[in-house]
Amino acid sequence: MSWDLAQGSAVLGPPASEKPRLLDTQCLPVSHPPCRYGFVIAVTTIDNIGAGVIQPGRGFVLYPVKYKAIVFRPFKGEVVDAVVTQVNKVGLFTEIGPMSCFISRHSIPSEMEFDPNSNPPCYKTMDEDIVIQQDDEIRLKIVGTRVDKNDIFAIGSLMDDYLGECLIIRAGVTAWRRGV
């Protein structure tokens, strides 16, 4: 889930930086380590840039900045779309934007088996009607999250209706197949 959030942080600028140049959003924490509210995806407005303080011995200027940003913070029970990055016998590793998510083989429907002999390795049904492999788009349910100092990590599941492999992407319409 994403939403607008007002927050503040200190921005470290190079010696030649001036307040007007701080409006360049590359100085602000976009998709960097998450704040306690989630990943900062985009800075929408800058409310206030305080007086800069020169850092002794470094030559950088530290500016207190108050801004509004769009943040991404997943919650338990949320259904999200992900891209499979790795498939192995213990489960699937996926990425949901800037966040990593693991789906244990115990959270993959029992009809799907790991096939290490296929190239690339995949989880598939016996009749090969459904195949999930690296770079596939899937829909999953978040069953838990962990927030570290510099990262947010999630655990997901495919054990619910309308979760699993993406079948068709045509003209902006996506059809999803249940992960059986």
C-alpha atoms as a PDB file:
ATOM      1  CA  MET A   1       0.000   0.000   0.000  1.00  0.00           C
ATOM      2  CA  SER A   2       1.223   3.504  -0.663  1.00  0.00           C
ATOM      3  CA  TRP A   3       0.099   6.858   0.675  1.00  0.00           C
ATOM      4  CA  ASP A   4       1.200  10.470   1.126  1.00  0.00           C
ATOM      5  CA  LEU A   5       3.195  11.190   4.241  1.00  0.00           C
ATOM      6  CA  ALA A   6       4.701  14.370   5.669  1.00  0.00           C
ATOM      7  CA  GLN A   7       8.134  13.856   7.159  1.00  0.00           C
ATOM      8  CA  GLY A   8      11.477  15.490   7.637  1.00  0.00           C
ATOM      9  CA  SER A   9      15.086  14.493   7.237  1.00  0.00           C
ATOM     10  CA  ALA A  10      18.534  15.979   7.002  1.00  0.00           C
ATOM     11  CA  VAL A  11      19.946  16.301   3.491  1.00  0.00           C
ATOM     12  CA  LEU A  12      23.697  16.386   3.004  1.00  0.00           C
ATOM     13  CA  GLY A  13      24.661  18.621   0.085  1.00  0.00           C
ATOM     14  CA  PRO A  14      28.019  19.150  -1.627  1.00  0.00           C
ATOM     15  CA  PRO A  15      29.891  22.373  -0.824  1.00  0.00           C
ATOM     16  CA  ALA A  16      28.635  24.167  -3.939  1.00  0.00           C
ATOM     17  CA  SER A  17      24.986  23.353  -3.225  1.00  0.00           C
ATOM     18  CA  GLU A  18      22.516  26.107  -2.579  1.00  0.00           C
ATOM     19  CA  LYS A  19      18.985  25.960  -1.198  1.00  0.00           C
ATOM     20  CA  PRO A  20      17.317  26.297  -4.624  1.00  0.00           C
ATOM     21  CA  ARG A  21      19.300  23.302  -5.891  1.00  0.00           C
ATOM     22  CA  LEU A  22      17.933  21.143  -3.084  1.00  0.00           C
ATOM     23  CA  LEU A  23      14.636  21.165  -4.940  1.00  0.00           C
ATOM     24  CA  ASP A  24      16.277  18.617  -7.219  1.00  0.00           C
ATOM     25  CA  THR A  25      14.741  15.425  -5.842  1.00  0.00           C
ATOM     26  CA  GLN A  26      17.913  13.412  -6.398  1.00  0.00           C
ATOM     27  CA  CYS A  27      19.141  14.886  -3.104  1.00  0.00           C
ATOM     28  CA  LEU A  28      16.153  13.493  -1.222  1.00  0.00           C
ATOM     29  CA  PRO A  29      15.783   9.864  -0.101  1.00  0.00           C
ATOM     30  CA  VAL A  30      13.906   8.288  -3.014  1.00  0.00           C
ATOM     31  CA  SER A  31      13.788   4.457  -2.868  1.00  0.00           C
ATOM     32  CA  HIS A  32      16.598   4.454  -0.334  1.00  0.00           C
ATOM     33  CA  PRO A  33      16.549   2.704   3.031  1.00  0.00           C
ATOM     34  CA  PRO A  34      13.007   2.843   4.341  1.00  0.00           C
ATOM     35  CA  CYS A  35      11.817   5.176   6.999  1.00  0.00           C
ATOM     36  CA  ARG A  36       9.717   3.703   9.763  1.00  0.00           C
ATOM     37  CA  TYR A  37       6.675   4.320   7.576  1.00  0.00           C
ATOM     38  CA  GLY A  38       7.994   2.436   4.514  1.00  0.00           C
ATOM     39  CA  PHE A  39      10.019   2.986   1.359  1.00  0.00           C
ATOM     40  CA  VAL A  40      10.034   6.564   0.080  1.00  0.00           C
ATOM     41  CA  ILE A  41       8.961   6.179  -3.555  1.00  0.00           C
ATOM     42  CA  ALA A  42       8.622   9.817  -4.629  1.00  0.00           C
ATOM     43  CA  VAL A  43       8.922  13.226  -3.024  1.00  0.00           C
ATOM     44  CA  THR A  44       5.804  15.209  -3.955  1.00  0.00           C
ATOM     45  CA  THR A  45       6.431  18.584  -2.315  1.00  0.00           C
ATOM     46  CA  ILE A  46       9.150  20.240  -0.302  1.00  0.00           C
ATOM     47  CA  ASP A  47       7.603  22.268   2.521  1.00  0.00           C
ATOM     48  CA  ASN A  48      10.630  23.850   4.165  1.00  0.00           C
ATOM     49  CA  ILE A  49      14.410  23.903   3.788  1.00  0.00           C
ATOM     50  CA  GLY A  50      16.124  25.047   6.968  1.00  0.00           C
ATOM     51  CA  ALA A  51      19.418  26.848   7.414  1.00  0.00           C
ATOM     52  CA  GLY A  52      22.402  24.751   6.406  1.00  0.00           C
ATOM     53  CA  VAL A  53      25.154  23.779   8.825  1.00  0.00           C
ATOM     54  CA  ILE A  54      28.669  23.204   7.460  1.00  0.00           C
ATOM     55  CA  GLN A  55      30.097  19.852   8.538  1.00  0.00           C
ATOM     56  CA  PRO A  56      33.567  20.394  10.036  1.00  0.00           C
ATOM     57  CA  GLY A  57      36.354  18.555   8.228  1.00  0.00           C
ATOM     58  CA  ARG A  58      34.062  17.377   5.437  1.00  0.00           C
ATOM     59  CA  GLY A  59      33.035  20.542   3.660  1.00  0.00           C
ATOM     60  CA  PHE A  60      29.458  19.342   3.197  1.00  0.00           C
ATOM     61  CA  VAL A  61      26.395  21.302   4.230  1.00  0.00           C
ATOM     62  CA  LEU A  62      23.615  19.623   6.241  1.00  0.00           C
ATOM     63  CA  TYR A  63      20.126  21.039   5.572  1.00  0.00           C
ATOM     64  CA  PRO A  64      17.035  20.092   7.602  1.00  0.00           C
ATOM     65  CA  VAL A  65      14.266  19.484   5.050  1.00  0.00           C
ATOM     66  CA  LYS A  66      10.534  18.939   5.606  1.00  0.00           C
ATOM     67  CA  TYR A  67       8.750  17.309   2.696  1.00  0.00           C
ATOM     68  CA  LYS A  68       5.748  15.249   1.658  1.00  0.00           C
ATOM     69  CA  ALA A  69       6.373  11.912  -0.020  1.00  0.00           C
ATOM     70  CA  ILE A  70       4.605   8.865  -1.371  1.00  0.00           C
ATOM     71  CA  VAL A  71       5.693   5.844   0.654  1.00  0.00           C
ATOM     72  CA  PHE A  72       5.253   2.109   0.058  1.00  0.00           C
ATOM     73  CA  ARG A  73       4.568   0.021   3.148  1.00  0.00           C
ATOM     74  CA  PRO A  74       3.053  -3.450   2.788  1.00  0.00           C
ATOM     75  CA  PHE A  75       0.741  -4.887   5.426  1.00  0.00           C
ATOM     76  CA  LYS A  76      -0.143  -8.397   6.513  1.00  0.00           C
ATOM     77  CA  GLY A  77      -3.055  -9.705   4.443  1.00  0.00           C
ATOM     78  CA  GLU A  78      -2.422  -7.364   1.506  1.00  0.00           C
ATOM     79  CA  VAL A  79      -2.539  -8.896  -1.996  1.00  0.00           C
ATOM     80  CA  VAL A  80       0.220  -7.601  -4.289  1.00  0.00           C
ATOM     81  CA  ASP A  81       1.784  -8.319  -7.672  1.00  0.00           C
ATOM     82  CA  ALA A  82       5.400  -9.510  -7.725  1.00  0.00           C
ATOM     83  CA  VAL A  83       8.138 -10.669 -10.079  1.00  0.00           C
ATOM     84  CA  VAL A  84       9.824 -14.023  -9.381  1.00  0.00           C
ATOM     85  CA  THR A  85      13.593 -13.533  -9.042  1.00  0.00           C
ATOM     86  CA  GLN A  86      14.701 -16.993  -7.913  1.00  0.00           C
ATOM     87  CA  VAL A  87      13.172 -20.481  -7.814  1.00  0.00           C
ATOM     88  CA  ASN A  88      14.615 -23.301  -5.707  1.00  0.00           C
ATOM     89  CA  LYS A  89      13.504 -26.324  -3.695  1.00  0.00           C
ATOM     90  CA  VAL A  90      12.752 -24.260  -0.565  1.00  0.00           C
ATOM     91  CA  GLY A  91      10.425 -21.844  -2.364  1.00  0.00           C
ATOM     92  CA  LEU A  92      10.197 -18.697  -4.461  1.00  0.00           C
ATOM     93  CA  PHE A  93      11.991 -15.384  -4.019  1.00  0.00           C
ATOM     94  CA  THR A  94      10.156 -12.385  -5.443  1.00  0.00           C
ATOM     95  CA  GLU A  95      10.443  -8.623  -5.661  1.00  0.00           C
ATOM     96  CA  ILE A  96       7.563  -6.270  -4.993  1.00  0.00           C
ATOM     97  CA  GLY A  97       9.023  -2.984  -6.165  1.00  0.00           C
ATOM     98  CA  PRO A  98      11.916  -2.206  -3.788  1.00  0.00           C
ATOM     99  CA  MET A  99      10.938  -4.979  -1.340  1.00  0.00           C
ATOM    100  CA  SER A 100      11.969  -8.657  -1.296  1.00  0.00           C
ATOM    101  CA  CYS A 101       9.459 -11.399  -0.504  1.00  0.00           C
ATOM    102  CA  PHE A 102       9.923 -15.133   0.118  1.00  0.00           C
ATOM    103  CA  ILE A 103       7.233 -17.761  -0.503  1.00  0.00           C
ATOM    104  CA  SER A 104       7.989 -21.061   1.229  1.00  0.00           C
ATOM    105  CA  ARG A 105       7.210 -24.327  -0.580  1.00  0.00           C
ATOM    106  CA  HIS A 106       4.730 -24.949   2.244  1.00  0.00           C
ATOM    107  CA  SER A 107       2.841 -21.823   1.122  1.00  0.00           C
ATOM    108  CA  ILE A 108       2.669 -22.990  -2.490  1.00  0.00           C
ATOM    109  CA  PRO A 109      -0.337 -25.200  -3.365  1.00  0.00           C
ATOM    110  CA  SER A 110       0.413 -28.917  -2.941  1.00  0.00           C
ATOM    111  CA  GLU A 111      -0.548 -29.585  -6.570  1.00  0.00           C
ATOM    112  CA  MET A 112       2.577 -27.690  -7.634  1.00  0.00           C
ATOM    113  CA  GLU A 113       5.898 -29.522  -7.433  1.00  0.00           C
ATOM    114  CA  PHE A 114       9.434 -28.215  -7.777  1.00  0.00           C
ATOM    115  CA  ASP A 115      11.113 -29.415 -10.991  1.00  0.00           C
ATOM    116  CA  PRO A 116      14.905 -28.986 -10.735  1.00  0.00           C
ATOM    117  CA  ASN A 117      15.457 -30.663 -14.126  1.00  0.00           C
ATOM    118  CA  SER A 118      13.558 -28.100 -16.174  1.00  0.00           C
ATOM    119  CA  ASN A 119      15.493 -25.202 -17.604  1.00  0.00           C
ATOM    120  CA  PRO A 120      15.030 -22.840 -15.782  1.00  0.00           C
ATOM    121  CA  PRO A 121      13.929 -24.598 -12.555  1.00  0.00           C
ATOM    122  CA  CYS A 122      10.251 -24.082 -11.806  1.00  0.00           C
ATOM    123  CA  TYR A 123       7.195 -25.036  -9.789  1.00  0.00           C
ATOM    124  CA  LYS A 124       4.550 -26.665 -11.964  1.00  0.00           C
ATOM    125  CA  THR A 125       1.444 -28.810 -11.851  1.00  0.00           C
ATOM    126  CA  MET A 126       1.569 -32.433 -13.070  1.00  0.00           C
ATOM    127  CA  ASP A 127      -0.186 -31.558 -16.337  1.00  0.00           C
ATOM    128  CA  GLU A 128       2.071 -28.466 -16.706  1.00  0.00           C
ATOM    129  CA  ASP A 129      -1.040 -26.301 -16.912  1.00  0.00           C
ATOM    130  CA  ILE A 130       0.533 -23.852 -14.464  1.00  0.00           C
ATOM    131  CA  VAL A 131       4.277 -23.152 -14.438  1.00  0.00           C
ATOM    132  CA  ILE A 132       5.990 -20.567 -12.219  1.00  0.00           C
ATOM    133  CA  GLN A 133       9.606 -19.793 -13.062  1.00  0.00           C
ATOM    134  CA  GLN A 134      12.095 -16.932 -12.860  1.00  0.00           C
ATOM    135  CA  ASP A 135      10.881 -13.578 -14.281  1.00  0.00           C
ATOM    136  CA  ASP A 136       7.197 -14.619 -14.139  1.00  0.00           C
ATOM    137  CA  GLU A 137       4.673 -12.163 -12.732  1.00  0.00           C
ATOM    138  CA  ILE A 138       2.595 -13.574  -9.893  1.00  0.00           C
ATOM    139  CA  ARG A 139      -0.009 -12.329  -7.447  1.00  0.00           C
ATOM    140  CA  LEU A 140       0.574 -13.219  -3.792  1.00  0.00           C
ATOM    141  CA  LYS A 141      -0.760 -12.507  -0.338  1.00  0.00           C
ATOM    142  CA  ILE A 142       1.563 -11.055   2.298  1.00  0.00           C
ATOM    143  CA  VAL A 143       1.408 -13.120   5.485  1.00  0.00           C
ATOM    144  CA  GLY A 144       4.082 -11.244   7.420  1.00  0.00           C
ATOM    145  CA  THR A 145       6.653  -8.457   7.261  1.00  0.00           C
ATOM    146  CA  ARG A 146       9.924  -7.680   8.991  1.00  0.00           C
ATOM    147  CA  VAL A 147      11.334  -4.159   9.162  1.00  0.00           C
ATOM    148  CA  ASP A 148      15.108  -3.901   9.551  1.00  0.00           C
ATOM    149  CA  LYS A 149      17.124  -0.712   9.824  1.00  0.00           C
ATOM    150  CA  ASN A 150      17.752  -0.543   6.074  1.00  0.00           C
ATOM    151  CA  ASP A 151      15.186  -2.884   4.540  1.00  0.00           C
ATOM    152  CA  ILE A 152      11.674  -4.291   4.665  1.00  0.00           C
ATOM    153  CA  PHE A 153      11.238  -8.002   3.981  1.00  0.00           C
ATOM    154  CA  ALA A 154       8.005  -9.959   3.527  1.00  0.00           C
ATOM    155  CA  ILE A 155       6.795 -13.553   3.642  1.00  0.00           C
ATOM    156  CA  GLY A 156       4.097 -14.434   1.128  1.00  0.00           C
ATOM    157  CA  SER A 157       1.640 -17.185   0.224  1.00  0.00           C
ATOM    158  CA  LEU A 158      -0.085 -18.516  -2.888  1.00  0.00           C
ATOM    159  CA  MET A 159      -2.632 -20.501  -0.834  1.00  0.00           C
ATOM    160  CA  ASP A 160      -5.748 -18.476  -1.575  1.00  0.00           C
ATOM    161  CA  ASP A 161      -8.159 -17.859  -4.417  1.00  0.00           C
ATOM    162  CA  TYR A 162      -6.997 -15.717  -7.341  1.00  0.00           C
ATOM    163  CA  LEU A 163      -3.318 -15.952  -6.392  1.00  0.00           C
ATOM    164  CA  GLY A 164      -0.606 -17.349  -8.632  1.00  0.00           C
ATOM    165  CA  GLU A 165       0.629 -17.010 -12.180  1.00  0.00           C
ATOM    166  CA  CYS A 166      -0.259 -14.178 -14.532  1.00  0.00           C
ATOM    167  CA  LEU A 167      -1.751 -15.616 -17.728  1.00  0.00           C
ATOM    168  CA  ILE A 168      -2.393 -12.779 -20.133  1.00  0.00           C
ATOM    169  CA  ILE A 169      -1.239  -9.192 -20.312  1.00  0.00           C
ATOM    170  CA  ARG A 170      -3.147  -7.613 -23.167  1.00  0.00           C
ATOM    171  CA  ALA A 171      -3.999  -3.934 -23.628  1.00  0.00           C
ATOM    172  CA  GLY A 172      -3.575  -3.168 -19.935  1.00  0.00           C
ATOM    173  CA  VAL A 173      -5.908  -5.981 -18.802  1.00  0.00           C
ATOM    174  CA  THR A 174      -4.339  -8.716 -16.725  1.00  0.00           C
ATOM    175  CA  ALA A 175      -5.963 -12.102 -16.179  1.00  0.00           C
ATOM    176  CA  TRP A 176      -4.810 -14.156 -13.206  1.00  0.00           C
ATOM    177  CA  ARG A 177      -4.961 -17.885 -12.711  1.00  0.00           C
ATOM    178  CA  ARG A 178      -5.368 -19.343  -9.256  1.00  0.00           C
ATOM    179  CA  GLY A 179      -2.154 -21.037  -8.099  1.00  0.00           C
ATOM    180  CA  VAL A 180      -4.178 -24.306  -7.942  1.00  0.00           C
END
